[in-house]
Amino acid sequence: MASDKKKRHRTDSDHDGATTSLPHQKLLKPDSAILSSLKSLSAATSSSTSSTSKALTLADLSLSSTCREVIDLSLSSVQSSIESLALSITHSILSGRGFSFSVPSRSAANHLYVPELDRIVLKDKSSLRPYSSVATVRKATVTARILQLIHQLCLKNIHVTKRDLFYTDVKLFQDQTQSDSVLDDVSCILGCTRSSLNVVAAEKGVVVGRLIFSDNGDLIDCTKMGMGDAAYMRLAEDRFYNRFPCIIVTAKGQPDVATRLFLRKMKMELKLPVLALVDSDPYGLKILSVYGCGSKNMSYDSANLTTPDIKWLGIRPSDLDKYKIPEQCRLPMTEQDIKTGKDMLEEDFVKKNPGWVEELSLMVKTKQKAEIQALSSFGFQYLSEVYLPLKLQQQDWL
């Protein structure tokens, strides 16, 4: 208790050291009481995760649309699939028919949100990518080249980054977005996860907290990990994970595949509740939805990349008034922000959660947004010393 009081005393002063009264600080209970109140959340998460072996899958559902999903394949299986595809193409060429790739469509119209699974999946529509067509000859060539490069990775049993892949044939690919897009197409064609191709994105995510694990014989101690964005740095420096035992993860913006895989693995294997802290703007909610429901761009792999039952802890639009965020720290939403917010209100995964609808509607109505750093107007450590502890104490999440 004495140490708790000493810690909280730091938040009683502003940046210049003058004593101030911080909003809601007097409502805080001792840390032990807050931790005790969280036991029910941990128990509920552990119970629900333990039953995941009986969880629904696409195969269990009678959907009006046929959908497709990919699976993890071994390198030898990926190699065999590429060789079978190459053999099929060779037969087609020798018979005088030329060749084309049947590519699953990842267009906006070919996605489906499945409420029973609470994630976005890819429908079964495909399109042909013939080499003989002027419109598609270049993309067919890029597809063949990517398949060739993946086959080399299988033979050598090595990993490369998407940037490495791009630089193998800059003149053909022209721009990395093109090679990245075809790489996802190849995953769909072969029916495997992108990680099965041994091509990874440049590392973005960082983690700190009460976690030690072994990776290929190397012991990783997450209490000694590096710095991320501003909110992550604040929580890491204040050792928030020691005061409230937790693991803090950030992708420093839009979630990358590695961070999404890591978060899901922690949720499913360690049976941990996941609480999200994002900016109070439409893009913050988008980030949250990618972790929880998946992205349309990679809906074909949503079964492996989504983390079920993520709670929206903050910063929520209703928090701006509740925590008396100063007007000068609230930002006016741009026309694009408002459009994005309204578009999200039409998404099925948002409509399913009345709390999300209420918060997003409030944001669009007030036309105000705020970053997590707006809480620093009350003191640099207000986030870790008052805001988050009170959120946990009140179990104020959606």
Protein backbone atom coordinates (compact mmCIF):
# COMPACT_ATOMS: atom_id res chain seq x y z
CA MET A 1 0.00 0.00 0.00
CA ALA A 2 2.78 2.42 0.86
CA SER A 3 4.42 1.78 -2.51
CA ASP A 4 1.08 2.33 -4.26
CA LYS A 5 0.66 5.70 -2.59
CA LYS A 6 4.19 6.65 -3.52
CA LYS A 7 3.55 5.77 -7.15
CA ARG A 8 0.31 7.66 -7.37
CA HIS A 9 1.85 10.71 -5.77
CA ARG A 10 3.75 11.23 -9.03
CA THR A 11 0.52 11.90 -10.89
CA ASP A 12 -0.50 14.61 -8.44
CA SER A 13 1.73 17.12 -10.16
CA ASP A 14 1.62 18.63 -13.60
CA HIS A 15 4.56 18.88 -15.99
CA ASP A 16 6.02 21.84 -14.05
CA GLY A 17 5.72 20.14 -10.68
CA ALA A 18 2.75 22.16 -9.42
CA THR A 19 0.15 20.27 -7.38
CA THR A 20 -3.12 19.65 -9.26
CA SER A 21 -6.28 17.63 -8.74
CA LEU A 22 -6.54 14.92 -11.35
CA PRO A 23 -9.94 13.84 -12.69
CA HIS A 24 -11.23 10.61 -11.11
CA GLN A 25 -8.06 9.88 -9.15
CA LYS A 26 -9.94 9.80 -5.83
CA LEU A 27 -12.15 7.00 -7.16
CA LEU A 28 -9.24 4.58 -7.34
CA LYS A 29 -9.22 1.62 -4.97
CA PRO A 30 -6.07 -0.19 -3.81
CA ASP A 31 -4.40 -2.24 -6.52
CA SER A 32 -5.18 -5.46 -4.64
CA ALA A 33 -8.91 -4.69 -4.84
CA ILE A 34 -8.68 -3.95 -8.58
CA LEU A 35 -6.78 -7.18 -9.24
CA SER A 36 -9.30 -9.15 -7.23
CA SER A 37 -12.16 -7.72 -9.28
CA LEU A 38 -10.45 -8.87 -12.49
CA LYS A 39 -10.39 -12.53 -11.47
CA SER A 40 -13.83 -13.08 -12.96
CA LEU A 41 -12.61 -11.82 -16.36
CA SER A 42 -9.63 -14.17 -16.32
CA ALA A 43 -11.81 -17.10 -15.21
CA ALA A 44 -14.39 -16.42 -17.94
CA THR A 45 -11.67 -16.16 -20.60
CA SER A 46 -10.00 -19.37 -19.46
CA SER A 47 -13.32 -21.20 -19.50
CA SER A 48 -14.34 -19.98 -22.96
CA THR A 49 -10.90 -20.63 -24.47
CA SER A 50 -10.80 -24.14 -23.00
CA SER A 51 -13.85 -25.02 -25.05
CA THR A 52 -12.34 -23.85 -28.34
CA SER A 53 -11.93 -27.48 -29.45
CA LYS A 54 -15.70 -27.52 -29.87
CA ALA A 55 -15.82 -24.11 -31.55
CA LEU A 56 -17.68 -23.69 -34.80
CA THR A 57 -15.82 -23.78 -38.09
CA LEU A 58 -16.90 -22.94 -41.63
CA ALA A 59 -17.45 -26.64 -42.25
CA ASP A 60 -20.05 -26.73 -39.43
CA LEU A 61 -22.16 -23.95 -40.93
CA SER A 62 -24.74 -24.13 -43.69
CA LEU A 63 -23.98 -20.82 -45.35
CA SER A 64 -25.77 -19.58 -48.45
CA SER A 65 -22.38 -18.81 -50.00
CA THR A 66 -19.52 -21.23 -50.45
CA CYS A 67 -16.42 -19.92 -48.70
CA ARG A 68 -12.76 -20.87 -48.73
CA GLU A 69 -10.05 -20.92 -46.09
CA VAL A 70 -6.36 -21.75 -46.19
CA ILE A 71 -4.38 -24.00 -43.88
CA ASP A 72 -0.80 -24.27 -42.67
CA LEU A 73 1.24 -26.45 -45.01
CA SER A 74 4.73 -27.86 -44.60
CA LEU A 75 7.44 -26.65 -46.99
CA SER A 76 7.42 -30.02 -48.73
CA SER A 77 3.65 -29.74 -49.28
CA VAL A 78 4.01 -26.20 -50.66
CA GLN A 79 6.79 -27.42 -52.95
CA SER A 80 4.63 -30.33 -54.18
CA SER A 81 1.67 -28.01 -54.83
CA ILE A 82 3.81 -25.65 -56.91
CA GLU A 83 5.29 -28.54 -58.88
CA SER A 84 1.81 -29.99 -59.55
CA LEU A 85 0.63 -26.57 -60.73
CA ALA A 86 3.69 -26.22 -62.99
CA LEU A 87 3.03 -29.68 -64.46
CA SER A 88 -0.58 -28.76 -65.15
CA ILE A 89 0.53 -25.55 -66.88
CA THR A 90 3.05 -27.49 -68.98
CA HIS A 91 0.38 -29.93 -70.17
CA SER A 92 -1.91 -27.02 -71.05
CA ILE A 93 0.80 -25.31 -73.10
CA LEU A 94 1.83 -28.52 -74.91
CA SER A 95 -1.80 -29.19 -75.83
CA GLY A 96 -2.00 -25.77 -77.48
CA ARG A 97 -4.36 -24.19 -74.97
CA GLY A 98 -1.83 -21.77 -73.49
CA PHE A 99 -2.10 -21.31 -69.76
CA SER A 100 -3.88 -19.27 -67.13
CA PHE A 101 -4.09 -19.13 -63.36
CA SER A 102 -7.39 -19.57 -61.54
CA VAL A 103 -7.10 -16.92 -58.85
CA PRO A 104 -9.54 -16.60 -55.91
CA SER A 105 -11.05 -13.12 -56.00
CA ARG A 106 -10.19 -10.87 -53.06
CA SER A 107 -12.40 -8.01 -54.25
CA ALA A 108 -14.66 -6.17 -51.80
CA ALA A 109 -17.73 -8.02 -53.10
CA ASN A 110 -16.22 -11.44 -52.39
CA HIS A 111 -16.04 -11.14 -48.61
CA LEU A 112 -18.59 -12.27 -46.04
CA TYR A 113 -18.90 -11.52 -42.34
CA VAL A 114 -20.04 -14.65 -40.50
CA PRO A 115 -21.67 -13.69 -37.17
CA GLU A 116 -21.42 -17.23 -35.80
CA LEU A 117 -17.63 -17.06 -36.20
CA ASP A 118 -17.38 -13.30 -35.62
CA ARG A 119 -14.91 -12.88 -38.44
CA ILE A 120 -14.64 -12.03 -42.12
CA VAL A 121 -14.16 -14.90 -44.57
CA LEU A 122 -13.49 -15.14 -48.30
CA LYS A 123 -16.20 -16.40 -50.63
CA ASP A 124 -15.42 -18.92 -53.35
CA LYS A 125 -15.52 -16.72 -56.46
CA SER A 126 -12.45 -16.99 -58.72
CA SER A 127 -11.27 -15.36 -61.92
CA LEU A 128 -8.91 -16.48 -64.69
CA ARG A 129 -5.57 -14.77 -65.20
CA PRO A 130 -4.55 -15.89 -68.74
CA TYR A 131 -1.08 -15.31 -70.14
CA SER A 132 -2.56 -14.82 -73.63
CA SER A 133 -4.59 -11.72 -72.68
CA VAL A 134 -3.03 -8.29 -73.07
CA ALA A 135 -4.93 -7.15 -69.97
CA THR A 136 -3.51 -9.86 -67.71
CA VAL A 137 -0.25 -11.01 -69.34
CA ARG A 138 1.93 -8.96 -67.00
CA LYS A 139 0.14 -10.08 -63.83
CA ALA A 140 0.25 -13.69 -65.01
CA THR A 141 4.01 -13.29 -65.49
CA VAL A 142 4.39 -11.83 -61.99
CA THR A 143 2.36 -14.74 -60.58
CA ALA A 144 4.59 -17.29 -62.31
CA ARG A 145 7.71 -15.48 -61.06
CA ILE A 146 6.46 -15.41 -57.45
CA LEU A 147 5.68 -19.13 -57.64
CA GLN A 148 9.22 -19.76 -58.92
CA LEU A 149 10.75 -17.76 -56.06
CA ILE A 150 8.62 -19.54 -53.44
CA HIS A 151 9.74 -22.87 -54.90
CA GLN A 152 13.37 -21.78 -54.41
CA LEU A 153 12.65 -20.94 -50.78
CA CYS A 154 11.17 -24.41 -50.29
CA LEU A 155 14.27 -26.05 -51.76
CA LYS A 156 16.65 -23.97 -49.64
CA ASN A 157 14.44 -24.01 -46.51
CA ILE A 158 15.02 -20.32 -45.79
CA HIS A 159 12.89 -17.28 -44.97
CA VAL A 160 12.94 -13.91 -46.74
CA THR A 161 11.06 -10.67 -46.24
CA LYS A 162 8.53 -9.29 -48.69
CA ARG A 163 11.08 -6.57 -49.42
CA ASP A 164 13.70 -9.20 -50.31
CA LEU A 165 11.19 -10.81 -52.65
CA PHE A 166 10.53 -7.50 -54.40
CA TYR A 167 14.23 -6.83 -55.00
CA THR A 168 14.75 -10.15 -56.79
CA ASP A 169 13.03 -8.69 -59.89
CA VAL A 170 12.46 -4.96 -59.51
CA LYS A 171 11.95 -4.36 -63.24
CA LEU A 172 9.15 -6.91 -63.41
CA PHE A 173 7.43 -6.09 -60.12
CA GLN A 174 7.90 -2.29 -60.51
CA ASP A 175 6.41 -1.59 -57.07
CA GLN A 176 6.39 -3.68 -53.91
CA THR A 177 2.62 -3.33 -53.54
CA GLN A 178 2.30 -5.37 -56.73
CA SER A 179 4.51 -8.23 -55.58
CA ASP A 180 2.85 -8.14 -52.14
CA SER A 181 -0.61 -8.43 -53.70
CA VAL A 182 0.37 -11.36 -55.93
CA LEU A 183 1.99 -13.05 -52.92
CA ASP A 184 -1.44 -13.11 -51.27
CA ASP A 185 -2.92 -14.42 -54.52
CA VAL A 186 -0.38 -17.25 -54.48
CA SER A 187 -1.38 -18.16 -50.92
CA CYS A 188 -4.98 -18.46 -52.08
CA ILE A 189 -4.03 -20.44 -55.21
CA LEU A 190 -2.02 -22.95 -53.18
CA GLY A 191 -4.55 -23.01 -50.32
CA CYS A 192 -1.95 -22.28 -47.66
CA THR A 193 -1.30 -19.55 -45.11
CA ARG A 194 1.15 -16.85 -46.13
CA SER A 195 3.51 -17.89 -43.34
CA SER A 196 3.71 -21.32 -45.03
CA LEU A 197 5.46 -19.62 -47.96
CA ASN A 198 8.41 -18.58 -45.75
CA VAL A 199 7.92 -14.93 -46.74
CA VAL A 200 7.51 -12.54 -43.83
CA ALA A 201 6.81 -8.83 -43.51
CA ALA A 202 9.38 -6.55 -41.92
CA GLU A 203 8.96 -6.74 -38.15
CA LYS A 204 6.79 -3.99 -36.69
CA GLY A 205 5.33 -5.35 -33.50
CA VAL A 206 6.95 -5.13 -30.07
CA VAL A 207 6.02 -6.73 -26.77
CA VAL A 208 6.86 -6.15 -23.12
CA GLY A 209 5.50 -7.76 -19.97
CA ARG A 210 5.28 -10.86 -17.84
CA LEU A 211 6.18 -13.39 -20.50
CA ILE A 212 9.21 -15.62 -21.03
CA PHE A 213 9.25 -18.18 -23.83
CA SER A 214 11.62 -20.28 -25.92
CA ASP A 215 11.93 -19.76 -29.69
CA ASN A 216 14.09 -22.28 -31.54
CA GLY A 217 16.21 -22.76 -28.44
CA ASP A 218 16.55 -19.04 -27.67
CA LEU A 219 15.07 -17.82 -24.37
CA ILE A 220 13.05 -14.62 -24.91
CA ASP A 221 12.45 -12.45 -21.83
CA CYS A 222 9.71 -9.94 -22.66
CA THR A 223 10.48 -7.79 -19.61
CA LYS A 224 13.56 -6.63 -21.52
CA MET A 225 12.05 -5.87 -24.91
CA GLY A 226 12.38 -2.64 -26.93
CA MET A 227 10.36 0.54 -27.30
CA GLY A 228 7.25 1.05 -29.40
CA ASP A 229 4.86 3.96 -29.81
CA ALA A 230 4.19 6.66 -27.21
CA ALA A 231 1.51 4.84 -25.21
CA TYR A 232 3.52 1.61 -25.24
CA MET A 233 6.64 3.47 -24.06
CA ARG A 234 4.72 5.06 -21.20
CA LEU A 235 3.36 1.74 -19.96
CA ALA A 236 6.71 0.00 -20.40
CA GLU A 237 8.71 2.67 -18.56
CA ASP A 238 6.19 2.76 -15.72
CA ARG A 239 6.39 -1.06 -15.44
CA PHE A 240 2.61 -1.22 -15.67
CA TYR A 241 2.94 -4.96 -16.29
CA ASN A 242 4.37 -5.46 -12.79
CA ARG A 243 1.68 -3.46 -11.04
CA PHE A 244 -1.07 -5.19 -13.02
CA PRO A 245 0.41 -8.45 -14.37
CA CYS A 246 -0.04 -8.33 -18.13
CA ILE A 247 1.64 -8.50 -21.52
CA ILE A 248 1.63 -5.32 -23.61
CA VAL A 249 1.72 -5.65 -27.40
CA THR A 250 1.69 -3.03 -30.15
CA ALA A 251 2.02 -3.22 -33.93
CA LYS A 252 2.74 0.54 -33.98
CA GLY A 253 -0.28 1.21 -36.19
CA GLN A 254 -2.01 -1.07 -38.67
CA PRO A 255 -1.63 -4.68 -37.42
CA ASP A 256 0.90 -6.78 -39.32
CA VAL A 257 0.62 -10.54 -39.77
CA ALA A 258 3.31 -11.43 -37.22
CA THR A 259 1.69 -9.36 -34.46
CA ARG A 260 -1.75 -10.79 -35.23
CA LEU A 261 -0.39 -14.34 -35.11
CA PHE A 262 1.45 -13.64 -31.83
CA LEU A 263 -1.62 -12.10 -30.17
CA ARG A 264 -3.85 -15.00 -31.19
CA LYS A 265 -1.29 -17.51 -29.93
CA MET A 266 -1.16 -15.83 -26.51
CA LYS A 267 -4.95 -15.70 -26.31
CA MET A 268 -5.52 -19.31 -27.32
CA GLU A 269 -2.59 -21.03 -25.59
CA LEU A 270 -2.24 -18.94 -22.43
CA LYS A 271 -6.01 -18.35 -22.15
CA LEU A 272 -5.59 -14.64 -21.48
CA PRO A 273 -8.22 -11.90 -21.78
CA VAL A 274 -7.28 -9.27 -24.39
CA LEU A 275 -8.07 -5.59 -23.82
CA ALA A 276 -7.48 -3.03 -26.57
CA LEU A 277 -6.21 0.54 -26.16
CA VAL A 278 -6.52 2.56 -29.38
CA ASP A 279 -7.00 6.17 -30.43
CA SER A 280 -10.54 7.53 -30.34
CA ASP A 281 -11.00 7.83 -34.10
CA PRO A 282 -12.41 5.61 -36.88
CA TYR A 283 -8.96 4.21 -37.62
CA GLY A 284 -8.49 3.14 -34.00
CA LEU A 285 -11.66 1.09 -34.27
CA LYS A 286 -10.48 -0.26 -37.61
CA ILE A 287 -7.27 -1.48 -35.97
CA LEU A 288 -9.32 -3.15 -33.24
CA SER A 289 -11.59 -4.82 -35.82
CA VAL A 290 -8.62 -6.21 -37.78
CA TYR A 291 -7.33 -7.94 -34.64
CA GLY A 292 -10.79 -9.24 -33.72
CA CYS A 293 -12.62 -9.94 -36.99
CA GLY A 294 -9.85 -9.91 -39.59
CA SER A 295 -9.05 -7.75 -42.60
CA LYS A 296 -10.74 -8.03 -45.97
CA ASN A 297 -7.36 -8.16 -47.68
CA MET A 298 -6.46 -11.36 -45.83
CA SER A 299 -9.91 -12.77 -45.17
CA TYR A 300 -8.76 -16.06 -46.69
CA ASP A 301 -6.63 -16.60 -43.55
CA SER A 302 -8.93 -15.11 -40.91
CA ALA A 303 -9.15 -18.41 -39.02
CA ASN A 304 -5.46 -18.13 -38.13
CA LEU A 305 -5.11 -14.37 -37.77
CA THR A 306 -8.07 -13.28 -35.63
CA THR A 307 -8.17 -13.04 -31.85
CA PRO A 308 -11.70 -13.74 -30.59
CA ASP A 309 -13.46 -11.70 -27.91
CA ILE A 310 -11.18 -8.66 -27.75
CA LYS A 311 -12.54 -6.00 -25.37
CA TRP A 312 -12.49 -2.31 -26.36
CA LEU A 313 -11.02 -0.66 -23.26
CA GLY A 314 -10.32 2.82 -24.62
CA ILE A 315 -9.89 5.51 -25.68
CA ARG A 316 -13.61 5.63 -26.45
CA PRO A 317 -15.55 8.69 -27.65
CA SER A 318 -17.60 8.75 -24.44
CA ASP A 319 -14.33 9.01 -22.47
CA LEU A 320 -13.69 12.49 -23.83
CA ASP A 321 -16.40 13.99 -21.62
CA LYS A 322 -16.23 11.39 -18.88
CA TYR A 323 -12.55 12.11 -18.23
CA LYS A 324 -12.87 15.82 -19.02
CA ILE A 325 -10.38 15.80 -21.88
CA PRO A 326 -9.65 19.53 -22.54
CA GLU A 327 -11.12 20.98 -25.73
CA GLN A 328 -7.68 21.92 -27.01
CA CYS A 329 -6.70 18.24 -26.90
CA ARG A 330 -9.67 17.15 -28.98
CA LEU A 331 -9.17 17.20 -32.72
CA PRO A 332 -11.84 18.02 -35.32
CA MET A 333 -12.63 15.09 -37.60
CA THR A 334 -11.92 15.62 -41.28
CA GLU A 335 -14.52 14.90 -43.93
CA GLN A 336 -12.66 11.66 -44.69
CA ASP A 337 -12.73 10.73 -40.98
CA ILE A 338 -16.50 11.27 -40.88
CA LYS A 339 -17.00 9.25 -44.08
CA THR A 340 -14.89 6.41 -42.69
CA GLY A 341 -16.89 6.48 -39.46
CA LYS A 342 -20.21 6.36 -41.32
CA ASP A 343 -18.96 3.55 -43.56
CA MET A 344 -17.95 1.54 -40.51
CA LEU A 345 -21.42 1.94 -39.04
CA GLU A 346 -22.66 -0.02 -42.06
CA GLU A 347 -20.30 -2.93 -41.43
CA ASP A 348 -21.95 -6.09 -40.08
CA PHE A 349 -19.20 -6.68 -37.50
CA VAL A 350 -19.90 -3.23 -36.03
CA LYS A 351 -23.68 -3.62 -36.11
CA LYS A 352 -23.35 -6.84 -34.12
CA ASN A 353 -22.01 -4.91 -31.12
CA PRO A 354 -24.48 -2.25 -29.86
CA GLY A 355 -21.77 -0.66 -27.72
CA TRP A 356 -19.56 -0.11 -30.76
CA VAL A 357 -22.49 1.41 -32.65
CA GLU A 358 -23.25 3.79 -29.78
CA GLU A 359 -19.65 4.93 -29.43
CA LEU A 360 -19.03 5.32 -33.16
CA SER A 361 -22.32 7.20 -33.60
CA LEU A 362 -21.27 9.58 -30.82
CA MET A 363 -17.95 10.17 -32.56
CA VAL A 364 -19.61 10.95 -35.89
CA LYS A 365 -22.19 13.19 -34.19
CA THR A 366 -19.67 15.26 -32.20
CA LYS A 367 -17.13 15.23 -35.06
CA GLN A 368 -14.37 14.98 -32.47
CA LYS A 369 -11.47 12.56 -32.18
CA ALA A 370 -8.58 12.22 -29.75
CA GLU A 371 -5.30 10.37 -29.49
CA ILE A 372 -4.27 8.36 -26.45
CA GLN A 373 -1.67 11.08 -25.78
CA ALA A 374 -4.50 13.55 -25.02
CA LEU A 375 -4.49 12.05 -21.51
CA SER A 376 -1.02 13.54 -21.01
CA SER A 377 -2.70 16.92 -20.54
CA PHE A 378 -3.30 15.76 -16.94
CA GLY A 379 0.27 14.56 -16.48
CA PHE A 380 2.66 12.33 -18.36
CA GLN A 381 1.73 9.29 -16.24
CA TYR A 382 -2.03 9.81 -16.08
CA LEU A 383 -2.51 6.92 -18.55
CA SER A 384 -0.74 4.36 -16.37
CA GLU A 385 -1.52 5.80 -12.93
CA VAL A 386 -5.19 6.78 -13.22
CA TYR A 387 -6.93 6.12 -16.55
CA LEU A 388 -6.12 2.42 -17.06
CA PRO A 389 -6.35 1.40 -13.37
CA LEU A 390 -9.78 3.04 -13.14
CA LYS A 391 -10.91 1.39 -16.38
CA LEU A 392 -9.88 -1.99 -14.97
CA GLN A 393 -11.47 -1.27 -11.60
CA GLN A 394 -14.81 -0.35 -13.20
CA GLN A 395 -14.50 -3.13 -15.79
CA ASP A 396 -15.30 -0.42 -18.31
CA TRP A 397 -14.85 -2.21 -21.61
CA LEU A 398 -17.03 -3.24 -24.53
